[in-house]
Amino acid sequence: MNATQTSTSSDQLVLTPTDAARVLGVSRATFFKMHSAGKLPLPVYLTSRCPRWSRAELVAWLEAGAPDRLTWQRLKDMNRKG
């Protein structure tokens, strides 16, 4: 990517908290409240202080009705097992 191109959240595989909040249509503060309350899928940590959310997982989570984290994990596990 050169200096004149900018990356948008629609072409990123993983999203920063700010970009993930934008995809969900909530503020960054609300996003972190949802995360702390267990209402979002778990992030992937690139380093111990660098959480990123999978764009594909957030979209799938929304399509599933935005269940709480535990329910989401169970749904994902059931889909993996077939």
C-alpha atoms as a PDB file:
ATOM      1  CA  MET A   1       0.000   0.000   0.000  1.00  0.00           C
ATOM      2  CA  ASN A   2       1.482   3.347  -0.967  1.00  0.00           C
ATOM      3  CA  ALA A   3       1.092   6.661   0.844  1.00  0.00           C
ATOM      4  CA  THR A   4      -1.958   7.699  -1.169  1.00  0.00           C
ATOM      5  CA  GLN A   5      -3.943   4.545  -0.381  1.00  0.00           C
ATOM      6  CA  THR A   6      -5.748   4.075   2.896  1.00  0.00           C
ATOM      7  CA  SER A   7      -7.046   0.853   4.366  1.00  0.00           C
ATOM      8  CA  THR A   8     -10.712   0.677   5.291  1.00  0.00           C
ATOM      9  CA  SER A   9     -12.305  -1.659   7.796  1.00  0.00           C
ATOM     10  CA  SER A  10     -14.100  -3.423   4.936  1.00  0.00           C
ATOM     11  CA  ASP A  11     -10.847  -4.836   3.523  1.00  0.00           C
ATOM     12  CA  GLN A  12      -9.095  -5.771   6.767  1.00  0.00           C
ATOM     13  CA  LEU A  13      -9.088  -9.321   8.115  1.00  0.00           C
ATOM     14  CA  VAL A  14      -8.721  -8.185  11.709  1.00  0.00           C
ATOM     15  CA  LEU A  15     -10.017  -4.970  13.206  1.00  0.00           C
ATOM     16  CA  THR A  16      -8.784  -2.624  15.883  1.00  0.00           C
ATOM     17  CA  PRO A  17     -11.282  -1.873  18.655  1.00  0.00           C
ATOM     18  CA  THR A  18     -12.108   1.422  16.962  1.00  0.00           C
ATOM     19  CA  ASP A  19     -12.715  -0.213  13.589  1.00  0.00           C
ATOM     20  CA  ALA A  20     -14.694  -3.082  15.147  1.00  0.00           C
ATOM     21  CA  ALA A  21     -16.882  -0.567  16.981  1.00  0.00           C
ATOM     22  CA  ARG A  22     -17.440   1.272  13.699  1.00  0.00           C
ATOM     23  CA  VAL A  23     -18.499  -1.992  11.974  1.00  0.00           C
ATOM     24  CA  LEU A  24     -21.016  -2.605  14.774  1.00  0.00           C
ATOM     25  CA  GLY A  25     -22.228   0.985  14.754  1.00  0.00           C
ATOM     26  CA  VAL A  26     -21.370   1.705  18.382  1.00  0.00           C
ATOM     27  CA  SER A  27     -18.883   3.959  20.121  1.00  0.00           C
ATOM     28  CA  ARG A  28     -15.490   2.641  21.175  1.00  0.00           C
ATOM     29  CA  ALA A  29     -16.521   3.020  24.832  1.00  0.00           C
ATOM     30  CA  THR A  30     -19.703   1.007  24.259  1.00  0.00           C
ATOM     31  CA  PHE A  31     -17.689  -1.594  22.374  1.00  0.00           C
ATOM     32  CA  PHE A  32     -15.371  -2.091  25.358  1.00  0.00           C
ATOM     33  CA  LYS A  33     -18.338  -2.228  27.754  1.00  0.00           C
ATOM     34  CA  MET A  34     -19.848  -4.964  25.593  1.00  0.00           C
ATOM     35  CA  HIS A  35     -16.512  -6.803  25.552  1.00  0.00           C
ATOM     36  CA  SER A  36     -16.142  -6.559  29.334  1.00  0.00           C
ATOM     37  CA  ALA A  37     -19.706  -7.809  29.827  1.00  0.00           C
ATOM     38  CA  GLY A  38     -19.065 -10.892  27.665  1.00  0.00           C
ATOM     39  CA  LYS A  39     -21.336  -9.776  24.844  1.00  0.00           C
ATOM     40  CA  LEU A  40     -18.784  -9.921  22.019  1.00  0.00           C
ATOM     41  CA  PRO A  41     -16.718 -12.700  20.471  1.00  0.00           C
ATOM     42  CA  LEU A  42     -13.251 -13.016  21.952  1.00  0.00           C
ATOM     43  CA  PRO A  43     -10.486 -11.071  20.241  1.00  0.00           C
ATOM     44  CA  VAL A  44      -7.224 -12.431  18.899  1.00  0.00           C
ATOM     45  CA  TYR A  45      -4.251 -10.921  20.689  1.00  0.00           C
ATOM     46  CA  LEU A  46      -1.380 -10.055  18.361  1.00  0.00           C
ATOM     47  CA  THR A  47       0.617  -9.150  21.477  1.00  0.00           C
ATOM     48  CA  SER A  48      -0.440  -9.071  25.111  1.00  0.00           C
ATOM     49  CA  ARG A  49      -1.827  -5.541  24.679  1.00  0.00           C
ATOM     50  CA  CYS A  50      -2.955  -5.629  21.067  1.00  0.00           C
ATOM     51  CA  PRO A  51      -6.446  -7.131  20.716  1.00  0.00           C
ATOM     52  CA  ARG A  52      -7.942  -7.510  17.259  1.00  0.00           C
ATOM     53  CA  TRP A  53     -11.352  -8.812  16.244  1.00  0.00           C
ATOM     54  CA  SER A  54     -11.899 -10.948  13.175  1.00  0.00           C
ATOM     55  CA  ARG A  55     -14.114  -9.058  10.754  1.00  0.00           C
ATOM     56  CA  ALA A  56     -15.591 -12.321   9.434  1.00  0.00           C
ATOM     57  CA  GLU A  57     -16.380 -13.494  12.957  1.00  0.00           C
ATOM     58  CA  LEU A  58     -18.060 -10.215  13.894  1.00  0.00           C
ATOM     59  CA  VAL A  59     -20.225 -10.376  10.763  1.00  0.00           C
ATOM     60  CA  ALA A  60     -21.143 -14.030  11.449  1.00  0.00           C
ATOM     61  CA  TRP A  61     -21.877 -13.133  15.096  1.00  0.00           C
ATOM     62  CA  LEU A  62     -24.245 -10.372  13.967  1.00  0.00           C
ATOM     63  CA  GLU A  63     -25.938 -12.693  11.472  1.00  0.00           C
ATOM     64  CA  ALA A  64     -26.483 -15.184  14.318  1.00  0.00           C
ATOM     65  CA  GLY A  65     -28.360 -12.515  16.267  1.00  0.00           C
ATOM     66  CA  ALA A  66     -25.468 -11.190  18.379  1.00  0.00           C
ATOM     67  CA  PRO A  67     -25.617 -13.839  21.120  1.00  0.00           C
ATOM     68  CA  ASP A  68     -23.579 -13.522  24.314  1.00  0.00           C
ATOM     69  CA  ARG A  69     -20.003 -14.827  24.209  1.00  0.00           C
ATOM     70  CA  LEU A  70     -20.717 -18.205  25.814  1.00  0.00           C
ATOM     71  CA  THR A  71     -23.620 -18.927  23.453  1.00  0.00           C
ATOM     72  CA  TRP A  72     -21.510 -17.813  20.505  1.00  0.00           C
ATOM     73  CA  GLN A  73     -18.684 -20.175  21.494  1.00  0.00           C
ATOM     74  CA  ARG A  74     -21.169 -23.047  21.751  1.00  0.00           C
ATOM     75  CA  LEU A  75     -22.603 -22.244  18.319  1.00  0.00           C
ATOM     76  CA  LYS A  76     -19.129 -22.160  16.804  1.00  0.00           C
ATOM     77  CA  ASP A  77     -18.216 -25.470  18.459  1.00  0.00           C
ATOM     78  CA  MET A  78     -21.401 -27.115  17.196  1.00  0.00           C
ATOM     79  CA  ASN A  79     -20.694 -25.910  13.642  1.00  0.00           C
ATOM     80  CA  ARG A  80     -17.142 -27.296  13.783  1.00  0.00           C
ATOM     81  CA  LYS A  81     -18.349 -30.707  14.930  1.00  0.00           C
ATOM     82  CA  GLY A  82     -20.825 -30.833  12.088  1.00  0.00           C
END
